[in-house]
Amino acid sequence: MVAARLATAAVGVAGSLAVSVVAWQVFDLPVFVLAVPFVPFLFRRRRGERSSPRTRQCPECGFTTRTPSVTHCPHDGAELD
């Protein structure tokens, strides 16, 4: 996962520098475009593609969890909704 993020960041920096060089050559103006902060938006997954577990809540005390194996509240033993 970290290697993929590092590769994406490296490609973003290289692309930004390439755009800067092209802009400098075409417009004869030193423009430095760094689009690195926008790279995660280009490659993020949509909500429907993720398979995150749903949140379950205790009706008595409000305890919440996303762990699928937890079926009852650790505080009062009530079944989670």
N, C-alpha and C. Protein backbone atom coordinates (compact mmCIF):
# COMPACT_ATOMS: atom_id res chain seq x y z
N MET A 1 0.82 -1.18 0.00
CA MET A 1 0.00 0.00 0.00
C MET A 1 0.87 1.25 0.00
N VAL A 2 1.91 1.27 0.82
CA VAL A 2 2.79 2.43 0.88
C VAL A 2 3.55 2.57 -0.43
N ALA A 3 3.96 1.46 -1.01
CA ALA A 3 4.68 1.51 -2.28
C ALA A 3 3.80 2.09 -3.38
N ALA A 4 2.53 1.75 -3.38
CA ALA A 4 1.62 2.29 -4.40
C ALA A 4 1.44 3.79 -4.21
N ARG A 5 1.35 4.24 -2.97
CA ARG A 5 1.21 5.68 -2.71
C ARG A 5 2.47 6.42 -3.11
N LEU A 6 3.63 5.83 -2.82
CA LEU A 6 4.89 6.45 -3.19
C LEU A 6 5.02 6.54 -4.70
N ALA A 7 4.63 5.48 -5.40
CA ALA A 7 4.69 5.50 -6.86
C ALA A 7 3.74 6.54 -7.43
N THR A 8 2.56 6.66 -6.86
CA THR A 8 1.60 7.66 -7.32
C THR A 8 2.14 9.07 -7.09
N ALA A 9 2.74 9.30 -5.95
CA ALA A 9 3.32 10.62 -5.66
C ALA A 9 4.47 10.93 -6.61
N ALA A 10 5.31 9.92 -6.90
CA ALA A 10 6.43 10.13 -7.82
C ALA A 10 5.94 10.46 -9.22
N VAL A 11 4.91 9.77 -9.67
CA VAL A 11 4.34 10.06 -10.99
C VAL A 11 3.73 11.46 -10.99
N GLY A 12 3.08 11.85 -9.91
CA GLY A 12 2.51 13.19 -9.81
C GLY A 12 3.56 14.28 -9.87
N VAL A 13 4.67 14.09 -9.17
CA VAL A 13 5.75 15.08 -9.20
C VAL A 13 6.37 15.15 -10.59
N ALA A 14 6.61 13.99 -11.20
CA ALA A 14 7.19 13.98 -12.55
C ALA A 14 6.25 14.64 -13.56
N GLY A 15 4.95 14.35 -13.45
CA GLY A 15 3.98 14.98 -14.34
C GLY A 15 3.90 16.48 -14.13
N SER A 16 3.94 16.91 -12.89
CA SER A 16 3.91 18.33 -12.59
C SER A 16 5.12 19.05 -13.15
N LEU A 17 6.27 18.45 -13.01
CA LEU A 17 7.48 19.05 -13.57
C LEU A 17 7.44 19.07 -15.09
N ALA A 18 6.88 18.04 -15.71
CA ALA A 18 6.76 18.02 -17.16
C ALA A 18 5.83 19.12 -17.65
N VAL A 19 4.72 19.32 -16.97
CA VAL A 19 3.80 20.40 -17.33
C VAL A 19 4.48 21.75 -17.16
N SER A 20 5.28 21.89 -16.11
CA SER A 20 5.99 23.14 -15.88
C SER A 20 6.99 23.43 -17.00
N VAL A 21 7.72 22.42 -17.42
CA VAL A 21 8.70 22.60 -18.49
C VAL A 21 7.99 22.95 -19.80
N VAL A 22 6.91 22.27 -20.11
CA VAL A 22 6.17 22.57 -21.35
C VAL A 22 5.61 23.99 -21.30
N ALA A 23 5.05 24.39 -20.17
CA ALA A 23 4.53 25.75 -20.04
C ALA A 23 5.65 26.79 -20.19
N TRP A 24 6.80 26.48 -19.66
CA TRP A 24 7.93 27.40 -19.77
C TRP A 24 8.37 27.52 -21.22
N GLN A 25 8.42 26.43 -21.95
CA GLN A 25 8.84 26.45 -23.34
C GLN A 25 7.81 27.13 -24.25
N VAL A 26 6.54 26.86 -24.02
CA VAL A 26 5.49 27.39 -24.90
C VAL A 26 5.23 28.87 -24.61
N PHE A 27 5.08 29.25 -23.35
CA PHE A 27 4.71 30.61 -22.99
C PHE A 27 5.90 31.47 -22.58
N ASP A 28 7.09 30.90 -22.55
CA ASP A 28 8.30 31.60 -22.14
C ASP A 28 8.11 32.29 -20.78
N LEU A 29 7.45 31.56 -19.91
CA LEU A 29 7.17 32.08 -18.57
C LEU A 29 7.43 30.95 -17.58
N PRO A 30 8.28 31.21 -16.58
CA PRO A 30 8.55 30.13 -15.60
C PRO A 30 7.34 29.89 -14.70
N VAL A 31 6.63 28.84 -14.99
CA VAL A 31 5.45 28.46 -14.22
C VAL A 31 5.73 27.09 -13.61
N PHE A 32 5.53 26.98 -12.32
CA PHE A 32 5.76 25.71 -11.66
C PHE A 32 4.43 25.18 -11.16
N VAL A 33 3.98 24.12 -11.78
CA VAL A 33 2.70 23.51 -11.44
C VAL A 33 2.97 22.29 -10.59
N LEU A 34 2.53 22.31 -9.37
CA LEU A 34 2.66 21.15 -8.51
C LEU A 34 1.26 20.65 -8.18
N ALA A 35 0.85 19.60 -8.85
CA ALA A 35 -0.49 19.05 -8.67
C ALA A 35 -0.48 17.88 -7.71
N VAL A 36 0.56 17.73 -6.92
CA VAL A 36 0.67 16.60 -6.00
C VAL A 36 -0.50 16.53 -5.02
N PRO A 37 -0.98 17.67 -4.47
CA PRO A 37 -2.12 17.55 -3.55
C PRO A 37 -3.38 17.00 -4.21
N PHE A 38 -3.50 17.10 -5.52
CA PHE A 38 -4.70 16.63 -6.21
C PHE A 38 -4.61 15.17 -6.65
N VAL A 39 -3.46 14.56 -6.56
CA VAL A 39 -3.28 13.18 -7.00
C VAL A 39 -4.19 12.21 -6.25
N PRO A 40 -4.35 12.30 -4.94
CA PRO A 40 -5.25 11.35 -4.26
C PRO A 40 -6.69 11.43 -4.76
N PHE A 41 -7.14 12.61 -5.19
CA PHE A 41 -8.50 12.74 -5.70
C PHE A 41 -8.67 12.01 -7.02
N LEU A 42 -7.61 11.91 -7.80
CA LEU A 42 -7.69 11.24 -9.09
C LEU A 42 -7.81 9.73 -8.96
N PHE A 43 -7.18 9.18 -7.92
CA PHE A 43 -7.12 7.73 -7.79
C PHE A 43 -7.94 7.18 -6.62
N ARG A 44 -8.77 7.99 -6.00
CA ARG A 44 -9.54 7.48 -4.87
C ARG A 44 -10.70 6.62 -5.36
N ARG A 45 -11.11 5.73 -4.51
CA ARG A 45 -12.23 4.84 -4.83
C ARG A 45 -13.54 5.52 -4.48
N ARG A 46 -14.56 5.12 -5.18
CA ARG A 46 -15.89 5.64 -4.86
C ARG A 46 -16.44 4.86 -3.68
N ARG A 47 -17.43 5.41 -3.00
CA ARG A 47 -17.97 4.77 -1.80
C ARG A 47 -18.52 3.38 -2.09
N GLY A 48 -19.13 3.17 -3.24
CA GLY A 48 -19.72 1.89 -3.57
C GLY A 48 -18.69 0.80 -3.78
N GLU A 49 -17.46 1.16 -4.11
CA GLU A 49 -16.42 0.17 -4.39
C GLU A 49 -15.77 -0.35 -3.11
N ARG A 50 -15.85 0.38 -2.04
CA ARG A 50 -15.24 -0.07 -0.79
C ARG A 50 -16.14 -1.08 -0.11
N SER A 51 -15.52 -1.98 0.55
CA SER A 51 -16.30 -2.98 1.29
C SER A 51 -16.03 -2.81 2.78
N SER A 52 -16.29 -1.62 3.29
CA SER A 52 -16.05 -1.38 4.71
C SER A 52 -17.22 -1.96 5.51
N PRO A 53 -16.93 -2.49 6.68
CA PRO A 53 -18.00 -3.05 7.50
C PRO A 53 -18.92 -1.94 8.01
N ARG A 54 -20.18 -2.30 8.20
CA ARG A 54 -21.14 -1.30 8.65
C ARG A 54 -20.98 -1.07 10.15
N THR A 55 -21.41 0.09 10.58
CA THR A 55 -21.33 0.44 12.00
C THR A 55 -22.54 -0.13 12.73
N ARG A 56 -22.28 -0.78 13.86
CA ARG A 56 -23.34 -1.34 14.71
C ARG A 56 -23.33 -0.56 16.01
N GLN A 57 -24.53 -0.31 16.56
CA GLN A 57 -24.65 0.51 17.76
C GLN A 57 -25.51 -0.18 18.81
N CYS A 58 -25.15 0.06 20.05
CA CYS A 58 -25.92 -0.46 21.18
C CYS A 58 -27.12 0.45 21.43
N PRO A 59 -28.33 -0.12 21.50
CA PRO A 59 -29.51 0.72 21.74
C PRO A 59 -29.59 1.26 23.17
N GLU A 60 -28.85 0.65 24.09
CA GLU A 60 -28.93 1.05 25.49
C GLU A 60 -27.96 2.19 25.82
N CYS A 61 -26.69 2.02 25.48
CA CYS A 61 -25.68 3.00 25.91
C CYS A 61 -25.07 3.80 24.76
N GLY A 62 -25.29 3.40 23.50
CA GLY A 62 -24.75 4.14 22.37
C GLY A 62 -23.37 3.68 21.93
N PHE A 63 -22.85 2.59 22.49
CA PHE A 63 -21.56 2.05 22.08
C PHE A 63 -21.62 1.70 20.60
N THR A 64 -20.59 2.06 19.82
CA THR A 64 -20.54 1.73 18.39
C THR A 64 -19.27 0.96 18.06
N THR A 65 -19.37 0.11 17.04
CA THR A 65 -18.22 -0.66 16.57
C THR A 65 -18.40 -0.99 15.10
N ARG A 66 -17.27 -1.25 14.42
CA ARG A 66 -17.29 -1.72 13.03
C ARG A 66 -16.73 -3.13 12.93
N THR A 67 -16.38 -3.71 14.04
CA THR A 67 -15.84 -5.06 14.07
C THR A 67 -16.97 -6.06 13.88
N PRO A 68 -16.93 -6.87 12.81
CA PRO A 68 -18.02 -7.80 12.55
C PRO A 68 -18.20 -8.86 13.63
N SER A 69 -17.13 -9.23 14.33
CA SER A 69 -17.23 -10.29 15.32
C SER A 69 -17.89 -9.84 16.63
N VAL A 70 -17.99 -8.53 16.85
CA VAL A 70 -18.63 -8.02 18.07
C VAL A 70 -20.12 -7.92 17.81
N THR A 71 -20.90 -8.75 18.50
CA THR A 71 -22.34 -8.77 18.29
C THR A 71 -23.12 -8.23 19.49
N HIS A 72 -22.44 -8.13 20.63
CA HIS A 72 -23.11 -7.65 21.84
C HIS A 72 -22.26 -6.55 22.48
N CYS A 73 -22.92 -5.65 23.18
CA CYS A 73 -22.25 -4.52 23.84
C CYS A 73 -21.38 -5.05 24.99
N PRO A 74 -20.12 -4.59 25.08
CA PRO A 74 -19.27 -5.04 26.17
C PRO A 74 -19.64 -4.40 27.52
N HIS A 75 -20.43 -3.33 27.49
CA HIS A 75 -20.80 -2.64 28.73
C HIS A 75 -22.01 -3.27 29.41
N ASP A 76 -23.06 -3.54 28.63
CA ASP A 76 -24.28 -4.05 29.26
C ASP A 76 -24.80 -5.36 28.65
N GLY A 77 -24.14 -5.88 27.64
CA GLY A 77 -24.51 -7.16 27.06
C GLY A 77 -25.69 -7.13 26.09
N ALA A 78 -26.20 -5.95 25.76
CA ALA A 78 -27.31 -5.83 24.82
C ALA A 78 -26.84 -6.15 23.40
N GLU A 79 -27.73 -6.73 22.61
CA GLU A 79 -27.39 -7.04 21.23
C GLU A 79 -27.31 -5.75 20.42
N LEU A 80 -26.30 -5.64 19.57
CA LEU A 80 -26.08 -4.43 18.78
C LEU A 80 -27.02 -4.40 17.58
N ASP A 81 -27.48 -3.21 17.23
CA ASP A 81 -28.35 -3.02 16.05
C ASP A 81 -27.50 -2.85 14.82
